[in-house]
Amino acid sequence: MDINGVSHYKKARYITEINYPANIAMACKYCPYCKGKYTSIHRVICVKTYEDITQTYEQRIGVDCPLEFEKEK
């Protein structure tokens, strides 16, 4: 079945490693996809999921975080 005149698609992935301190729990503030904006109030979002993480970015990861974490050794 053709979709928009294309019979098939190839896949590509973007993989990146994010390093964060091993002795503490991961939080959005260590992630390069965590971006803040200063308007009339300070807002922080995840640029991967567009989730508003203003209230939680310093303590934990967002609910919709797409990162896959390595198992503890």
N, C-alpha and C. Protein backbone atom coordinates (compact mmCIF):
# COMPACT_ATOMS: atom_id res chain seq x y z
N MET A 1 0.83 -1.18 0.00
CA MET A 1 0.00 0.00 0.00
C MET A 1 0.88 1.24 0.00
N ASP A 2 0.61 2.15 -0.87
CA ASP A 2 1.37 3.40 -0.96
C ASP A 2 0.79 4.44 -0.01
N ILE A 3 1.67 5.10 0.70
CA ILE A 3 1.29 6.22 1.56
C ILE A 3 1.96 7.45 0.98
N ASN A 4 1.17 8.37 0.51
CA ASN A 4 1.70 9.59 -0.13
C ASN A 4 2.60 9.25 -1.31
N GLY A 5 2.28 8.19 -2.02
CA GLY A 5 3.05 7.80 -3.20
C GLY A 5 4.33 7.05 -2.89
N VAL A 6 4.54 6.64 -1.67
CA VAL A 6 5.74 5.91 -1.27
C VAL A 6 5.34 4.50 -0.86
N SER A 7 5.99 3.50 -1.45
CA SER A 7 5.61 2.12 -1.17
C SER A 7 6.21 1.56 0.12
N HIS A 8 7.38 2.08 0.53
CA HIS A 8 7.97 1.64 1.79
C HIS A 8 8.94 2.69 2.31
N TYR A 9 9.22 2.60 3.59
CA TYR A 9 10.12 3.55 4.24
C TYR A 9 11.26 2.80 4.91
N LYS A 10 12.39 3.47 5.07
CA LYS A 10 13.51 2.95 5.85
C LYS A 10 13.49 3.66 7.20
N LYS A 11 14.10 3.03 8.20
CA LYS A 11 14.13 3.61 9.54
C LYS A 11 15.52 4.14 9.85
N ALA A 12 15.55 5.18 10.67
CA ALA A 12 16.80 5.73 11.20
C ALA A 12 16.56 6.05 12.66
N ARG A 13 17.62 5.97 13.46
CA ARG A 13 17.51 6.26 14.89
C ARG A 13 18.57 7.27 15.29
N TYR A 14 18.23 8.05 16.26
CA TYR A 14 19.18 8.98 16.88
C TYR A 14 19.45 8.47 18.28
N ILE A 15 20.68 8.07 18.55
CA ILE A 15 21.05 7.53 19.85
C ILE A 15 22.11 8.43 20.46
N THR A 16 21.91 8.79 21.71
CA THR A 16 22.88 9.62 22.41
C THR A 16 23.03 9.12 23.84
N GLU A 17 24.19 9.29 24.41
CA GLU A 17 24.42 8.92 25.79
C GLU A 17 24.38 10.17 26.65
N ILE A 18 23.76 10.05 27.80
CA ILE A 18 23.68 11.14 28.76
C ILE A 18 24.35 10.66 30.03
N ASN A 19 25.36 11.38 30.47
CA ASN A 19 26.07 11.01 31.69
C ASN A 19 25.56 11.84 32.86
N TYR A 20 25.35 11.18 33.99
CA TYR A 20 24.90 11.87 35.19
C TYR A 20 25.54 11.20 36.39
N PRO A 21 25.61 11.90 37.52
CA PRO A 21 26.29 11.35 38.69
C PRO A 21 25.72 9.99 39.10
N ALA A 22 26.60 9.02 39.34
CA ALA A 22 26.18 7.65 39.65
C ALA A 22 25.66 7.50 41.07
N ASN A 23 26.04 8.41 41.95
CA ASN A 23 25.66 8.26 43.35
C ASN A 23 24.31 8.91 43.70
N ILE A 24 23.61 9.45 42.72
CA ILE A 24 22.30 10.05 42.97
C ILE A 24 21.32 9.59 41.90
N ALA A 25 20.04 9.78 42.17
CA ALA A 25 19.00 9.39 41.21
C ALA A 25 19.00 10.36 40.02
N MET A 26 18.68 9.84 38.86
CA MET A 26 18.60 10.66 37.66
C MET A 26 17.49 11.70 37.82
N ALA A 27 17.77 12.90 37.37
CA ALA A 27 16.79 13.99 37.36
C ALA A 27 16.92 14.72 36.03
N CYS A 28 15.86 15.34 35.59
CA CYS A 28 15.85 16.03 34.29
C CYS A 28 16.93 17.11 34.20
N LYS A 29 17.33 17.68 35.32
CA LYS A 29 18.32 18.77 35.27
C LYS A 29 19.66 18.33 34.70
N TYR A 30 19.95 17.04 34.65
CA TYR A 30 21.20 16.53 34.07
C TYR A 30 21.08 16.24 32.58
N CYS A 31 19.90 16.33 32.05
CA CYS A 31 19.64 15.94 30.66
C CYS A 31 19.74 17.15 29.71
N PRO A 32 20.39 16.98 28.57
CA PRO A 32 20.48 18.10 27.62
C PRO A 32 19.15 18.44 26.95
N TYR A 33 18.15 17.59 27.09
CA TYR A 33 16.84 17.86 26.51
C TYR A 33 15.94 18.66 27.45
N CYS A 34 16.44 19.01 28.61
CA CYS A 34 15.71 19.82 29.59
C CYS A 34 16.03 21.28 29.30
N LYS A 35 15.02 22.05 28.92
CA LYS A 35 15.24 23.45 28.54
C LYS A 35 14.34 24.37 29.35
N GLY A 36 14.92 25.46 29.82
CA GLY A 36 14.17 26.44 30.60
C GLY A 36 13.92 27.70 29.79
N LYS A 37 12.82 28.35 30.08
CA LYS A 37 12.47 29.63 29.46
C LYS A 37 12.09 30.60 30.56
N TYR A 38 12.60 31.80 30.46
CA TYR A 38 12.25 32.84 31.42
C TYR A 38 11.33 33.83 30.71
N THR A 39 10.08 33.78 31.07
CA THR A 39 9.11 34.78 30.58
C THR A 39 8.65 35.51 31.84
N SER A 40 7.38 35.66 32.02
CA SER A 40 6.92 36.26 33.27
C SER A 40 7.14 35.31 34.45
N ILE A 41 7.19 34.00 34.15
CA ILE A 41 7.53 32.98 35.14
C ILE A 41 8.53 32.01 34.51
N HIS A 42 9.26 31.29 35.34
CA HIS A 42 10.24 30.33 34.84
C HIS A 42 9.53 29.02 34.50
N ARG A 43 9.69 28.53 33.27
CA ARG A 43 9.10 27.27 32.83
C ARG A 43 10.22 26.37 32.32
N VAL A 44 10.09 25.07 32.56
CA VAL A 44 11.06 24.09 32.08
C VAL A 44 10.29 23.00 31.35
N ILE A 45 10.77 22.65 30.14
CA ILE A 45 10.13 21.58 29.38
C ILE A 45 11.17 20.59 28.89
N CYS A 46 10.70 19.40 28.55
CA CYS A 46 11.52 18.40 27.87
C CYS A 46 11.30 18.60 26.38
N VAL A 47 12.37 18.82 25.64
CA VAL A 47 12.22 19.06 24.20
C VAL A 47 11.94 17.79 23.41
N LYS A 48 12.06 16.63 24.04
CA LYS A 48 11.71 15.37 23.37
C LYS A 48 10.23 15.07 23.48
N THR A 49 9.63 15.36 24.63
CA THR A 49 8.22 15.00 24.85
C THR A 49 7.31 16.22 24.98
N TYR A 50 7.89 17.41 25.09
CA TYR A 50 7.15 18.67 25.33
C TYR A 50 6.39 18.64 26.65
N GLU A 51 6.84 17.79 27.56
CA GLU A 51 6.24 17.71 28.89
C GLU A 51 6.71 18.89 29.73
N ASP A 52 5.80 19.51 30.45
CA ASP A 52 6.13 20.58 31.37
C ASP A 52 6.70 19.94 32.64
N ILE A 53 7.99 20.16 32.89
CA ILE A 53 8.65 19.54 34.04
C ILE A 53 9.11 20.59 35.05
N THR A 54 8.48 21.76 35.01
CA THR A 54 8.88 22.87 35.86
C THR A 54 8.93 22.49 37.34
N GLN A 55 7.95 21.75 37.81
CA GLN A 55 7.86 21.43 39.23
C GLN A 55 8.77 20.29 39.66
N THR A 56 9.24 19.47 38.73
CA THR A 56 9.94 18.25 39.12
C THR A 56 11.36 18.09 38.55
N TYR A 57 11.82 18.98 37.69
CA TYR A 57 13.07 18.72 36.96
C TYR A 57 14.30 18.61 37.85
N GLU A 58 14.27 19.16 39.06
CA GLU A 58 15.44 19.06 39.94
C GLU A 58 15.46 17.78 40.77
N GLN A 59 14.31 17.12 40.95
CA GLN A 59 14.25 15.96 41.82
C GLN A 59 14.14 14.61 41.11
N ARG A 60 13.51 14.56 39.95
CA ARG A 60 13.26 13.27 39.30
C ARG A 60 13.09 13.46 37.80
N ILE A 61 12.84 12.37 37.10
CA ILE A 61 12.60 12.45 35.66
C ILE A 61 11.11 12.61 35.40
N GLY A 62 10.78 13.10 34.21
CA GLY A 62 9.39 13.30 33.84
C GLY A 62 8.66 11.98 33.61
N VAL A 63 7.35 12.06 33.70
CA VAL A 63 6.50 10.89 33.53
C VAL A 63 6.65 10.29 32.12
N ASP A 64 6.82 11.13 31.12
CA ASP A 64 6.91 10.68 29.74
C ASP A 64 8.34 10.54 29.23
N CYS A 65 9.31 10.47 30.12
CA CYS A 65 10.72 10.41 29.72
C CYS A 65 10.98 9.23 28.78
N PRO A 66 11.56 9.49 27.59
CA PRO A 66 11.82 8.41 26.63
C PRO A 66 13.18 7.72 26.80
N LEU A 67 13.97 8.15 27.77
CA LEU A 67 15.31 7.58 27.94
C LEU A 67 15.24 6.14 28.44
N GLU A 68 16.17 5.34 27.99
CA GLU A 68 16.32 3.96 28.46
C GLU A 68 17.55 3.93 29.34
N PHE A 69 17.40 3.48 30.57
CA PHE A 69 18.49 3.51 31.53
C PHE A 69 19.17 2.16 31.63
N GLU A 70 20.51 2.20 31.81
CA GLU A 70 21.27 0.97 31.99
C GLU A 70 20.95 0.38 33.35
N LYS A 71 21.01 -0.93 33.41
CA LYS A 71 20.78 -1.63 34.67
C LYS A 71 21.99 -1.41 35.57
N GLU A 72 21.76 -1.40 36.88
CA GLU A 72 22.84 -1.28 37.86
C GLU A 72 23.75 -2.50 37.77
N LYS A 73 25.04 -2.30 37.90
CA LYS A 73 26.00 -3.41 37.86
C LYS A 73 26.37 -3.85 39.24
